[in-house]
Amino acid sequence: LEILARINAQSFLFANAVMHTSGQAFMMAFQAGGPHAQDRGLEA
């Protein structure tokens, strides 16, 4: 849970990282690569 919380705090960094590796547009990279992915991790 602490790992996920710290990842969430860096969501804008992750958005840039996901955008420039996957090709997702920024908004999608922020959401799908950030909070939505974090929710999936938390769900598990």
PDB file of all heavy atoms in Angstrom:
ATOM      1  N   LEU A   1       0.829  -1.211   0.000  1.00  0.00           N
ATOM      2  CA  LEU A   1       0.000   0.000   0.000  1.00  0.00           C
ATOM      3  C   LEU A   1       0.861   1.258   0.000  1.00  0.00           C
ATOM      4  O   LEU A   1       0.518   2.256  -0.651  1.00  0.00           O
ATOM      5  CB  LEU A   1      -0.937  -0.011   1.204  1.00  0.00           C
ATOM      6  CG  LEU A   1      -2.009  -1.111   1.206  1.00  0.00           C
ATOM      7  CD1 LEU A   1      -2.723  -1.157   2.545  1.00  0.00           C
ATOM      8  CD2 LEU A   1      -3.008  -0.895   0.083  1.00  0.00           C
ATOM      9  N   GLU A   2       1.975   1.208   0.712  1.00  0.00           N
ATOM     10  CA  GLU A   2       2.883   2.361   0.721  1.00  0.00           C
ATOM     11  C   GLU A   2       3.535   2.543  -0.649  1.00  0.00           C
ATOM     12  O   GLU A   2       3.703   3.681  -1.117  1.00  0.00           O
ATOM     13  CB  GLU A   2       3.944   2.179   1.800  1.00  0.00           C
ATOM     14  CG  GLU A   2       4.965   3.316   1.892  1.00  0.00           C
ATOM     15  CD  GLU A   2       4.382   4.641   2.329  1.00  0.00           C
ATOM     16  OE1 GLU A   2       3.238   4.662   2.860  1.00  0.00           O
ATOM     17  OE2 GLU A   2       5.072   5.675   2.162  1.00  0.00           O
ATOM     18  N   ILE A   3       3.902   1.445  -1.290  1.00  0.00           N
ATOM     19  CA  ILE A   3       4.463   1.536  -2.644  1.00  0.00           C
ATOM     20  C   ILE A   3       3.470   2.207  -3.575  1.00  0.00           C
ATOM     21  O   ILE A   3       3.810   3.130  -4.330  1.00  0.00           O
ATOM     22  CB  ILE A   3       4.844   0.139  -3.174  1.00  0.00           C
ATOM     23  CG1 ILE A   3       5.992  -0.454  -2.365  1.00  0.00           C
ATOM     24  CG2 ILE A   3       5.225   0.213  -4.657  1.00  0.00           C
ATOM     25  CD1 ILE A   3       6.281  -1.908  -2.675  1.00  0.00           C
ATOM     26  N   LEU A   4       2.223   1.776  -3.535  1.00  0.00           N
ATOM     27  CA  LEU A   4       1.196   2.357  -4.404  1.00  0.00           C
ATOM     28  C   LEU A   4       0.977   3.832  -4.095  1.00  0.00           C
ATOM     29  O   LEU A   4       0.793   4.648  -5.007  1.00  0.00           O
ATOM     30  CB  LEU A   4      -0.114   1.571  -4.258  1.00  0.00           C
ATOM     31  CG  LEU A   4      -0.133   0.210  -4.954  1.00  0.00           C
ATOM     32  CD1 LEU A   4      -1.304  -0.636  -4.461  1.00  0.00           C
ATOM     33  CD2 LEU A   4      -0.204   0.381  -6.471  1.00  0.00           C
ATOM     34  N   ALA A   5       0.998   4.192  -2.825  1.00  0.00           N
ATOM     35  CA  ALA A   5       0.808   5.595  -2.449  1.00  0.00           C
ATOM     36  C   ALA A   5       1.942   6.464  -2.997  1.00  0.00           C
ATOM     37  O   ALA A   5       1.704   7.583  -3.478  1.00  0.00           O
ATOM     38  CB  ALA A   5       0.723   5.721  -0.926  1.00  0.00           C
ATOM     39  N   ARG A   6       3.161   5.956  -2.945  1.00  0.00           N
ATOM     40  CA  ARG A   6       4.293   6.740  -3.450  1.00  0.00           C
ATOM     41  C   ARG A   6       4.283   6.808  -4.981  1.00  0.00           C
ATOM     42  O   ARG A   6       4.670   7.823  -5.560  1.00  0.00           O
ATOM     43  CB  ARG A   6       5.606   6.142  -2.942  1.00  0.00           C
ATOM     44  CG  ARG A   6       5.757   6.282  -1.429  1.00  0.00           C
ATOM     45  CD  ARG A   6       7.157   5.955  -0.964  1.00  0.00           C
ATOM     46  NE  ARG A   6       7.203   5.819   0.486  1.00  0.00           N
ATOM     47  CZ  ARG A   6       8.297   5.613   1.195  1.00  0.00           C
ATOM     48  NH1 ARG A   6       9.477   5.530   0.571  1.00  0.00           N
ATOM     49  NH2 ARG A   6       8.255   5.480   2.506  1.00  0.00           N
ATOM     50  N   ILE A   7       3.866   5.741  -5.613  1.00  0.00           N
ATOM     51  CA  ILE A   7       3.711   5.777  -7.067  1.00  0.00           C
ATOM     52  C   ILE A   7       2.662   6.813  -7.442  1.00  0.00           C
ATOM     53  O   ILE A   7       2.847   7.606  -8.372  1.00  0.00           O
ATOM     54  CB  ILE A   7       3.329   4.385  -7.606  1.00  0.00           C
ATOM     55  CG1 ILE A   7       4.510   3.423  -7.479  1.00  0.00           C
ATOM     56  CG2 ILE A   7       2.867   4.470  -9.062  1.00  0.00           C
ATOM     57  CD1 ILE A   7       4.172   1.984  -7.819  1.00  0.00           C
ATOM     58  N   ASN A   8       1.550   6.817  -6.717  1.00  0.00           N
ATOM     59  CA  ASN A   8       0.489   7.780  -7.008  1.00  0.00           C
ATOM     60  C   ASN A   8       0.985   9.214  -6.877  1.00  0.00           C
ATOM     61  O   ASN A   8       0.632  10.081  -7.692  1.00  0.00           O
ATOM     62  CB  ASN A   8      -0.700   7.547  -6.071  1.00  0.00           C
ATOM     63  CG  ASN A   8      -1.786   8.582  -6.240  1.00  0.00           C
ATOM     64  OD1 ASN A   8      -2.002   9.434  -5.384  1.00  0.00           O
ATOM     65  ND2 ASN A   8      -2.477   8.540  -7.373  1.00  0.00           N
ATOM     66  N   ALA A   9       1.798   9.478  -5.882  1.00  0.00           N
ATOM     67  CA  ALA A   9       2.333  10.830  -5.691  1.00  0.00           C
ATOM     68  C   ALA A   9       3.207  11.264  -6.864  1.00  0.00           C
ATOM     69  O   ALA A   9       3.392  12.466  -7.094  1.00  0.00           O
ATOM     70  CB  ALA A   9       3.122  10.895  -4.387  1.00  0.00           C
ATOM     71  N   GLN A  10       3.725  10.295  -7.629  1.00  0.00           N
ATOM     72  CA  GLN A  10       4.571  10.585  -8.788  1.00  0.00           C
ATOM     73  C   GLN A  10       3.819  10.362 -10.106  1.00  0.00           C
ATOM     74  O   GLN A  10       4.440  10.085 -11.141  1.00  0.00           O
ATOM     75  CB  GLN A  10       5.818   9.697  -8.747  1.00  0.00           C
ATOM     76  CG  GLN A  10       6.723   9.939  -7.560  1.00  0.00           C
ATOM     77  CD  GLN A  10       7.356  11.315  -7.585  1.00  0.00           C
ATOM     78  OE1 GLN A  10       7.716  11.820  -8.640  1.00  0.00           O
ATOM     79  NE2 GLN A  10       7.468  11.951  -6.426  1.00  0.00           N
ATOM     80  N   SER A  11       2.511  10.514 -10.088  1.00  0.00           N
ATOM     81  CA  SER A  11       1.695  10.185 -11.258  1.00  0.00           C
ATOM     82  C   SER A  11       2.065  10.999 -12.493  1.00  0.00           C
ATOM     83  O   SER A  11       1.965  10.501 -13.622  1.00  0.00           O
ATOM     84  CB  SER A  11       0.207  10.351 -10.933  1.00  0.00           C
ATOM     85  OG  SER A  11      -0.241   9.328 -10.072  1.00  0.00           O
ATOM     86  N   PHE A  12       2.486  12.233 -12.317  1.00  0.00           N
ATOM     87  CA  PHE A  12       2.869  13.043 -13.482  1.00  0.00           C
ATOM     88  C   PHE A  12       4.178  12.537 -14.100  1.00  0.00           C
ATOM     89  O   PHE A  12       4.345  12.556 -15.319  1.00  0.00           O
ATOM     90  CB  PHE A  12       2.987  14.519 -13.104  1.00  0.00           C
ATOM     91  CG  PHE A  12       1.655  15.211 -13.028  1.00  0.00           C
ATOM     92  CD1 PHE A  12       1.024  15.396 -11.802  1.00  0.00           C
ATOM     93  CD2 PHE A  12       1.025  15.678 -14.173  1.00  0.00           C
ATOM     94  CE1 PHE A  12      -0.200  16.027 -11.725  1.00  0.00           C
ATOM     95  CE2 PHE A  12      -0.203  16.314 -14.105  1.00  0.00           C
ATOM     96  CZ  PHE A  12      -0.827  16.496 -12.878  1.00  0.00           C
ATOM     97  N   LEU A  13       5.103  12.089 -13.288  1.00  0.00           N
ATOM     98  CA  LEU A  13       6.318  11.470 -13.817  1.00  0.00           C
ATOM     99  C   LEU A  13       5.963  10.203 -14.590  1.00  0.00           C
ATOM    100  O   LEU A  13       6.458   9.972 -15.704  1.00  0.00           O
ATOM    101  CB  LEU A  13       7.284  11.147 -12.674  1.00  0.00           C
ATOM    102  CG  LEU A  13       8.503  10.285 -13.034  1.00  0.00           C
ATOM    103  CD1 LEU A  13       9.338  10.914 -14.144  1.00  0.00           C
ATOM    104  CD2 LEU A  13       9.354  10.027 -11.784  1.00  0.00           C
ATOM    105  N   PHE A  14       5.108   9.388 -14.008  1.00  0.00           N
ATOM    106  CA  PHE A  14       4.696   8.159 -14.681  1.00  0.00           C
ATOM    107  C   PHE A  14       3.954   8.463 -15.975  1.00  0.00           C
ATOM    108  O   PHE A  14       4.099   7.730 -16.965  1.00  0.00           O
ATOM    109  CB  PHE A  14       3.840   7.297 -13.753  1.00  0.00           C
ATOM    110  CG  PHE A  14       4.639   6.428 -12.830  1.00  0.00           C
ATOM    111  CD1 PHE A  14       5.115   6.923 -11.624  1.00  0.00           C
ATOM    112  CD2 PHE A  14       4.930   5.119 -13.163  1.00  0.00           C
ATOM    113  CE1 PHE A  14       5.862   6.129 -10.767  1.00  0.00           C
ATOM    114  CE2 PHE A  14       5.688   4.320 -12.326  1.00  0.00           C
ATOM    115  CZ  PHE A  14       6.152   4.821 -11.113  1.00  0.00           C
ATOM    116  N   ALA A  15       3.164   9.522 -15.987  1.00  0.00           N
ATOM    117  CA  ALA A  15       2.442   9.889 -17.208  1.00  0.00           C
ATOM    118  C   ALA A  15       3.412  10.166 -18.345  1.00  0.00           C
ATOM    119  O   ALA A  15       3.215   9.710 -19.481  1.00  0.00           O
ATOM    120  CB  ALA A  15       1.556  11.103 -16.950  1.00  0.00           C
ATOM    121  N   ASN A  16       4.471  10.910 -18.066  1.00  0.00           N
ATOM    122  CA  ASN A  16       5.477  11.192 -19.094  1.00  0.00           C
ATOM    123  C   ASN A  16       6.196   9.917 -19.519  1.00  0.00           C
ATOM    124  O   ASN A  16       6.465   9.703 -20.709  1.00  0.00           O
ATOM    125  CB  ASN A  16       6.479  12.224 -18.580  1.00  0.00           C
ATOM    126  CG  ASN A  16       5.928  13.632 -18.617  1.00  0.00           C
ATOM    127  OD1 ASN A  16       5.937  14.298 -19.647  1.00  0.00           O
ATOM    128  ND2 ASN A  16       5.424  14.106 -17.477  1.00  0.00           N
ATOM    129  N   ALA A  17       6.508   9.057 -18.557  1.00  0.00           N
ATOM    130  CA  ALA A  17       7.212   7.813 -18.867  1.00  0.00           C
ATOM    131  C   ALA A  17       6.348   6.892 -19.720  1.00  0.00           C
ATOM    132  O   ALA A  17       6.831   6.286 -20.684  1.00  0.00           O
ATOM    133  CB  ALA A  17       7.627   7.112 -17.573  1.00  0.00           C
ATOM    134  N   VAL A  18       5.068   6.783 -19.376  1.00  0.00           N
ATOM    135  CA  VAL A  18       4.159   5.926 -20.142  1.00  0.00           C
ATOM    136  C   VAL A  18       3.910   6.524 -21.524  1.00  0.00           C
ATOM    137  O   VAL A  18       3.911   5.811 -22.540  1.00  0.00           O
ATOM    138  CB  VAL A  18       2.835   5.719 -19.373  1.00  0.00           C
ATOM    139  CG1 VAL A  18       1.796   5.039 -20.256  1.00  0.00           C
ATOM    140  CG2 VAL A  18       3.078   4.893 -18.114  1.00  0.00           C
ATOM    141  N   MET A  19       3.697   7.833 -21.581  1.00  0.00           N
ATOM    142  CA  MET A  19       3.446   8.492 -22.862  1.00  0.00           C
ATOM    143  C   MET A  19       4.589   8.240 -23.844  1.00  0.00           C
ATOM    144  O   MET A  19       4.360   7.888 -25.013  1.00  0.00           O
ATOM    145  CB  MET A  19       3.273   9.997 -22.637  1.00  0.00           C
ATOM    146  CG  MET A  19       3.111  10.814 -23.906  1.00  0.00           C
ATOM    147  SD  MET A  19       2.940  12.579 -23.512  1.00  0.00           S
ATOM    148  CE  MET A  19       2.913  13.278 -25.173  1.00  0.00           C
ATOM    149  N   HIS A  20       5.819   8.390 -23.372  1.00  0.00           N
ATOM    150  CA  HIS A  20       6.961   8.330 -24.276  1.00  0.00           C
ATOM    151  C   HIS A  20       7.541   6.927 -24.439  1.00  0.00           C
ATOM    152  O   HIS A  20       8.598   6.760 -25.053  1.00  0.00           O
ATOM    153  CB  HIS A  20       8.037   9.310 -23.830  1.00  0.00           C
ATOM    154  CG  HIS A  20       7.685  10.724 -24.163  1.00  0.00           C
ATOM    155  ND1 HIS A  20       7.698  11.193 -25.452  1.00  0.00           N
ATOM    156  CD2 HIS A  20       7.268  11.755 -23.382  1.00  0.00           C
ATOM    157  CE1 HIS A  20       7.326  12.460 -25.462  1.00  0.00           C
ATOM    158  NE2 HIS A  20       7.055  12.825 -24.220  1.00  0.00           N
ATOM    159  N   THR A  21       6.853   5.923 -23.924  1.00  0.00           N
ATOM    160  CA  THR A  21       7.225   4.539 -24.237  1.00  0.00           C
ATOM    161  C   THR A  21       6.084   3.832 -24.956  1.00  0.00           C
ATOM    162  O   THR A  21       6.306   3.108 -25.919  1.00  0.00           O
ATOM    163  CB  THR A  21       7.605   3.761 -22.965  1.00  0.00           C
ATOM    164  OG1 THR A  21       6.566   3.906 -21.968  1.00  0.00           O
ATOM    165  CG2 THR A  21       8.918   4.267 -22.395  1.00  0.00           C
ATOM    166  N   SER A  22       4.855   4.070 -24.514  1.00  0.00           N
ATOM    167  CA  SER A  22       3.698   3.391 -25.119  1.00  0.00           C
ATOM    168  C   SER A  22       3.129   4.135 -26.319  1.00  0.00           C
ATOM    169  O   SER A  22       2.512   3.534 -27.197  1.00  0.00           O
ATOM    170  CB  SER A  22       2.590   3.221 -24.080  1.00  0.00           C
ATOM    171  OG  SER A  22       1.976   4.475 -23.794  1.00  0.00           O
ATOM    172  N   GLY A  23       3.287   5.468 -26.338  1.00  0.00           N
ATOM    173  CA  GLY A  23       2.660   6.275 -27.373  1.00  0.00           C
ATOM    174  C   GLY A  23       1.288   6.793 -26.997  1.00  0.00           C
ATOM    175  O   GLY A  23       0.640   7.490 -27.788  1.00  0.00           O
ATOM    176  N   GLN A  24       0.808   6.476 -25.804  1.00  0.00           N
ATOM    177  CA  GLN A  24      -0.467   7.037 -25.357  1.00  0.00           C
ATOM    178  C   GLN A  24      -0.376   8.558 -25.297  1.00  0.00           C
ATOM    179  O   GLN A  24       0.672   9.105 -24.971  1.00  0.00           O
ATOM    180  CB  GLN A  24      -0.836   6.491 -23.977  1.00  0.00           C
ATOM    181  CG  GLN A  24      -1.116   4.998 -23.930  1.00  0.00           C
ATOM    182  CD  GLN A  24      -1.361   4.500 -22.513  1.00  0.00           C
ATOM    183  OE1 GLN A  24      -1.826   5.252 -21.659  1.00  0.00           O
ATOM    184  NE2 GLN A  24      -1.042   3.241 -22.252  1.00  0.00           N
ATOM    185  N   ALA A  25      -1.488   9.231 -25.610  1.00  0.00           N
ATOM    186  CA  ALA A  25      -1.535  10.673 -25.433  1.00  0.00           C
ATOM    187  C   ALA A  25      -1.442  10.991 -23.941  1.00  0.00           C
ATOM    188  O   ALA A  25      -1.723  10.139 -23.095  1.00  0.00           O
ATOM    189  CB  ALA A  25      -2.824  11.228 -26.018  1.00  0.00           C
ATOM    190  N   PHE A  26      -1.077  12.238 -23.605  1.00  0.00           N
ATOM    191  CA  PHE A  26      -0.758  12.546 -22.210  1.00  0.00           C
ATOM    192  C   PHE A  26      -1.907  12.230 -21.254  1.00  0.00           C
ATOM    193  O   PHE A  26      -1.688  11.627 -20.202  1.00  0.00           O
ATOM    194  CB  PHE A  26      -0.357  14.011 -22.057  1.00  0.00           C
ATOM    195  CG  PHE A  26      -0.027  14.373 -20.627  1.00  0.00           C
ATOM    196  CD1 PHE A  26       1.213  14.072 -20.096  1.00  0.00           C
ATOM    197  CD2 PHE A  26      -0.980  14.970 -19.800  1.00  0.00           C
ATOM    198  CE1 PHE A  26       1.513  14.365 -18.768  1.00  0.00           C
ATOM    199  CE2 PHE A  26      -0.691  15.267 -18.478  1.00  0.00           C
ATOM    200  CZ  PHE A  26       0.561  14.970 -17.957  1.00  0.00           C
ATOM    201  N   MET A  27      -3.125  12.633 -21.591  1.00  0.00           N
ATOM    202  CA  MET A  27      -4.233  12.408 -20.663  1.00  0.00           C
ATOM    203  C   MET A  27      -4.455  10.931 -20.414  1.00  0.00           C
ATOM    204  O   MET A  27      -4.648  10.487 -19.277  1.00  0.00           O
ATOM    205  CB  MET A  27      -5.518  13.048 -21.197  1.00  0.00           C
ATOM    206  CG  MET A  27      -6.733  12.827 -20.288  1.00  0.00           C
ATOM    207  SD  MET A  27      -6.554  13.553 -18.631  1.00  0.00           S
ATOM    208  CE  MET A  27      -6.993  15.259 -19.020  1.00  0.00           C
ATOM    209  N   MET A  28      -4.416  10.143 -21.465  1.00  0.00           N
ATOM    210  CA  MET A  28      -4.589   8.704 -21.299  1.00  0.00           C
ATOM    211  C   MET A  28      -3.423   8.103 -20.526  1.00  0.00           C
ATOM    212  O   MET A  28      -3.607   7.236 -19.664  1.00  0.00           O
ATOM    213  CB  MET A  28      -4.714   8.022 -22.656  1.00  0.00           C
ATOM    214  CG  MET A  28      -5.030   6.535 -22.573  1.00  0.00           C
ATOM    215  SD  MET A  28      -5.227   5.829 -24.208  1.00  0.00           S
ATOM    216  CE  MET A  28      -5.878   4.213 -23.786  1.00  0.00           C
ATOM    217  N   ALA A  29      -2.209   8.575 -20.817  1.00  0.00           N
ATOM    218  CA  ALA A  29      -1.035   8.076 -20.108  1.00  0.00           C
ATOM    219  C   ALA A  29      -1.127   8.389 -18.624  1.00  0.00           C
ATOM    220  O   ALA A  29      -0.738   7.566 -17.784  1.00  0.00           O
ATOM    221  CB  ALA A  29       0.235   8.676 -20.701  1.00  0.00           C
ATOM    222  N   PHE A  30      -1.637   9.579 -18.296  1.00  0.00           N
ATOM    223  CA  PHE A  30      -1.795   9.926 -16.884  1.00  0.00           C
ATOM    224  C   PHE A  30      -2.811   9.004 -16.230  1.00  0.00           C
ATOM    225  O   PHE A  30      -2.562   8.454 -15.154  1.00  0.00           O
ATOM    226  CB  PHE A  30      -2.241  11.382 -16.725  1.00  0.00           C
ATOM    227  CG  PHE A  30      -2.384  11.797 -15.279  1.00  0.00           C
ATOM    228  CD1 PHE A  30      -1.313  12.333 -14.591  1.00  0.00           C
ATOM    229  CD2 PHE A  30      -3.589  11.628 -14.603  1.00  0.00           C
ATOM    230  CE1 PHE A  30      -1.430  12.686 -13.243  1.00  0.00           C
ATOM    231  CE2 PHE A  30      -3.723  11.978 -13.270  1.00  0.00           C
ATOM    232  CZ  PHE A  30      -2.638  12.511 -12.584  1.00  0.00           C
ATOM    233  N   GLN A  31      -3.964   8.839 -16.869  1.00  0.00           N
ATOM    234  CA  GLN A  31      -5.044   8.075 -16.243  1.00  0.00           C
ATOM    235  C   GLN A  31      -4.773   6.574 -16.265  1.00  0.00           C
ATOM    236  O   GLN A  31      -4.750   5.918 -15.224  1.00  0.00           O
ATOM    237  CB  GLN A  31      -6.371   8.398 -16.936  1.00  0.00           C
ATOM    238  CG  GLN A  31      -6.817   9.834 -16.719  1.00  0.00           C
ATOM    239  CD  GLN A  31      -8.148  10.152 -17.383  1.00  0.00           C
ATOM    240  OE1 GLN A  31      -8.540   9.528 -18.367  1.00  0.00           O
ATOM    241  NE2 GLN A  31      -8.851  11.133 -16.846  1.00  0.00           N
ATOM    242  N   ALA A  32      -4.575   6.011 -17.465  1.00  0.00           N
ATOM    243  CA  ALA A  32      -4.391   4.562 -17.579  1.00  0.00           C
ATOM    244  C   ALA A  32      -3.049   4.116 -17.018  1.00  0.00           C
ATOM    245  O   ALA A  32      -2.936   3.045 -16.422  1.00  0.00           O
ATOM    246  CB  ALA A  32      -4.525   4.125 -19.036  1.00  0.00           C
ATOM    247  N   GLY A  33      -2.012   4.944 -17.225  1.00  0.00           N
ATOM    248  CA  GLY A  33      -0.687   4.589 -16.731  1.00  0.00           C
ATOM    249  C   GLY A  33      -0.470   4.952 -15.280  1.00  0.00           C
ATOM    250  O   GLY A  33       0.468   4.480 -14.649  1.00  0.00           O
ATOM    251  N   GLY A  34      -1.357   5.821 -14.750  1.00  0.00           N
ATOM    252  CA  GLY A  34      -1.232   6.275 -13.375  1.00  0.00           C
ATOM    253  C   GLY A  34      -2.347   5.747 -12.492  1.00  0.00           C
ATOM    254  O   GLY A  34      -2.346   4.569 -12.116  1.00  0.00           O
ATOM    255  N   PRO A  35      -3.323   6.590 -12.123  1.00  0.00           N
ATOM    256  CA  PRO A  35      -4.357   6.184 -11.165  1.00  0.00           C
ATOM    257  C   PRO A  35      -5.117   4.911 -11.523  1.00  0.00           C
ATOM    258  O   PRO A  35      -5.418   4.114 -10.634  1.00  0.00           O
ATOM    259  CB  PRO A  35      -5.291   7.397 -11.141  1.00  0.00           C
ATOM    260  CG  PRO A  35      -4.384   8.549 -11.443  1.00  0.00           C
ATOM    261  CD  PRO A  35      -3.404   8.027 -12.437  1.00  0.00           C
ATOM    262  N   HIS A  36      -5.447   4.698 -12.797  1.00  0.00           N
ATOM    263  CA  HIS A  36      -6.176   3.473 -13.135  1.00  0.00           C
ATOM    264  C   HIS A  36      -5.301   2.236 -12.920  1.00  0.00           C
ATOM    265  O   HIS A  36      -5.784   1.196 -12.441  1.00  0.00           O
ATOM    266  CB  HIS A  36      -6.658   3.524 -14.582  1.00  0.00           C
ATOM    267  CG  HIS A  36      -7.689   4.575 -14.845  1.00  0.00           C
ATOM    268  ND1 HIS A  36      -8.192   4.835 -16.099  1.00  0.00           N
ATOM    269  CD2 HIS A  36      -8.325   5.435 -14.012  1.00  0.00           C
ATOM    270  CE1 HIS A  36      -9.077   5.809 -16.034  1.00  0.00           C
ATOM    271  NE2 HIS A  36      -9.166   6.196 -14.764  1.00  0.00           N
ATOM    272  N   ALA A  37      -4.035   2.319 -13.276  1.00  0.00           N
ATOM    273  CA  ALA A  37      -3.117   1.211 -13.027  1.00  0.00           C
ATOM    274  C   ALA A  37      -2.927   0.993 -11.527  1.00  0.00           C
ATOM    275  O   ALA A  37      -2.867  -0.144 -11.049  1.00  0.00           O
ATOM    276  CB  ALA A  37      -1.767   1.496 -13.690  1.00  0.00           C
ATOM    277  N   GLN A  38      -2.830   2.082 -10.803  1.00  0.00           N
ATOM    278  CA  GLN A  38      -2.685   1.986  -9.343  1.00  0.00           C
ATOM    279  C   GLN A  38      -3.914   1.340  -8.714  1.00  0.00           C
ATOM    280  O   GLN A  38      -3.795   0.520  -7.792  1.00  0.00           O
ATOM    281  CB  GLN A  38      -2.442   3.388  -8.770  1.00  0.00           C
ATOM    282  CG  GLN A  38      -1.141   4.012  -9.247  1.00  0.00           C
ATOM    283  CD  GLN A  38      -1.194   5.525  -9.322  1.00  0.00           C
ATOM    284  OE1 GLN A  38      -2.041   6.168  -8.684  1.00  0.00           O
ATOM    285  NE2 GLN A  38      -0.304   6.124 -10.112  1.00  0.00           N
ATOM    286  N   ASP A  39      -5.093   1.684  -9.220  1.00  0.00           N
ATOM    287  CA  ASP A  39      -6.317   1.027  -8.743  1.00  0.00           C
ATOM    288  C   ASP A  39      -6.271  -0.473  -9.010  1.00  0.00           C
ATOM    289  O   ASP A  39      -6.703  -1.283  -8.181  1.00  0.00           O
ATOM    290  CB  ASP A  39      -7.551   1.632  -9.422  1.00  0.00           C
ATOM    291  CG  ASP A  39      -8.087   2.862  -8.704  1.00  0.00           C
ATOM    292  OD1 ASP A  39      -7.821   3.015  -7.496  1.00  0.00           O
ATOM    293  OD2 ASP A  39      -8.784   3.668  -9.346  1.00  0.00           O
ATOM    294  N   ARG A  40      -5.767  -0.868 -10.180  1.00  0.00           N
ATOM    295  CA  ARG A  40      -5.660  -2.296 -10.499  1.00  0.00           C
ATOM    296  C   ARG A  40      -4.682  -2.988  -9.553  1.00  0.00           C
ATOM    297  O   ARG A  40      -4.907  -4.134  -9.132  1.00  0.00           O
ATOM    298  CB  ARG A  40      -5.215  -2.483 -11.951  1.00  0.00           C
ATOM    299  CG  ARG A  40      -6.333  -2.339 -12.971  1.00  0.00           C
ATOM    300  CD  ARG A  40      -7.407  -3.382 -12.786  1.00  0.00           C
ATOM    301  NE  ARG A  40      -8.428  -3.332 -13.815  1.00  0.00           N
ATOM    302  CZ  ARG A  40      -9.581  -3.983 -13.774  1.00  0.00           C
ATOM    303  NH1 ARG A  40      -9.869  -4.745 -12.736  1.00  0.00           N
ATOM    304  NH2 ARG A  40     -10.463  -3.891 -14.741  1.00  0.00           N
ATOM    305  N   GLY A  41      -3.594  -2.314  -9.225  1.00  0.00           N
ATOM    306  CA  GLY A  41      -2.666  -2.884  -8.255  1.00  0.00           C
ATOM    307  C   GLY A  41      -3.304  -3.019  -6.887  1.00  0.00           C
ATOM    308  O   GLY A  41      -3.159  -4.041  -6.204  1.00  0.00           O
ATOM    309  N   LEU A  42      -4.021  -1.985  -6.473  1.00  0.00           N
ATOM    310  CA  LEU A  42      -4.704  -2.009  -5.175  1.00  0.00           C
ATOM    311  C   LEU A  42      -5.769  -3.094  -5.138  1.00  0.00           C
ATOM    312  O   LEU A  42      -5.959  -3.768  -4.116  1.00  0.00           O
ATOM    313  CB  LEU A  42      -5.322  -0.636  -4.897  1.00  0.00           C
ATOM    314  CG  LEU A  42      -6.158  -0.507  -3.620  1.00  0.00           C
ATOM    315  CD1 LEU A  42      -5.338  -0.852  -2.382  1.00  0.00           C
ATOM    316  CD2 LEU A  42      -6.736   0.908  -3.509  1.00  0.00           C
ATOM    317  N   GLU A  43      -6.467  -3.270  -6.243  1.00  0.00           N
ATOM    318  CA  GLU A  43      -7.485  -4.317  -6.334  1.00  0.00           C
ATOM    319  C   GLU A  43      -6.853  -5.689  -6.053  1.00  0.00           C
ATOM    320  O   GLU A  43      -7.411  -6.506  -5.309  1.00  0.00           O
ATOM    321  CB  GLU A  43      -8.115  -4.285  -7.720  1.00  0.00           C
ATOM    322  CG  GLU A  43      -9.235  -5.287  -7.929  1.00  0.00           C
ATOM    323  CD  GLU A  43      -9.778  -5.221  -9.340  1.00  0.00           C
ATOM    324  OE1 GLU A  43      -8.980  -5.054 -10.294  1.00  0.00           O
ATOM    325  OE2 GLU A  43     -10.999  -5.352  -9.511  1.00  0.00           O
ATOM    326  N   ALA A  44      -5.687  -5.946  -6.635  1.00  0.00           N
ATOM    327  CA  ALA A  44      -5.002  -7.212  -6.402  1.00  0.00           C
ATOM    328  C   ALA A  44      -4.573  -7.353  -4.946  1.00  0.00           C
ATOM    329  O   ALA A  44      -4.681  -8.432  -4.354  1.00  0.00           O
ATOM    330  CB  ALA A  44      -3.783  -7.323  -7.323  1.00  0.00           C
TER     331      ALA A  44
END
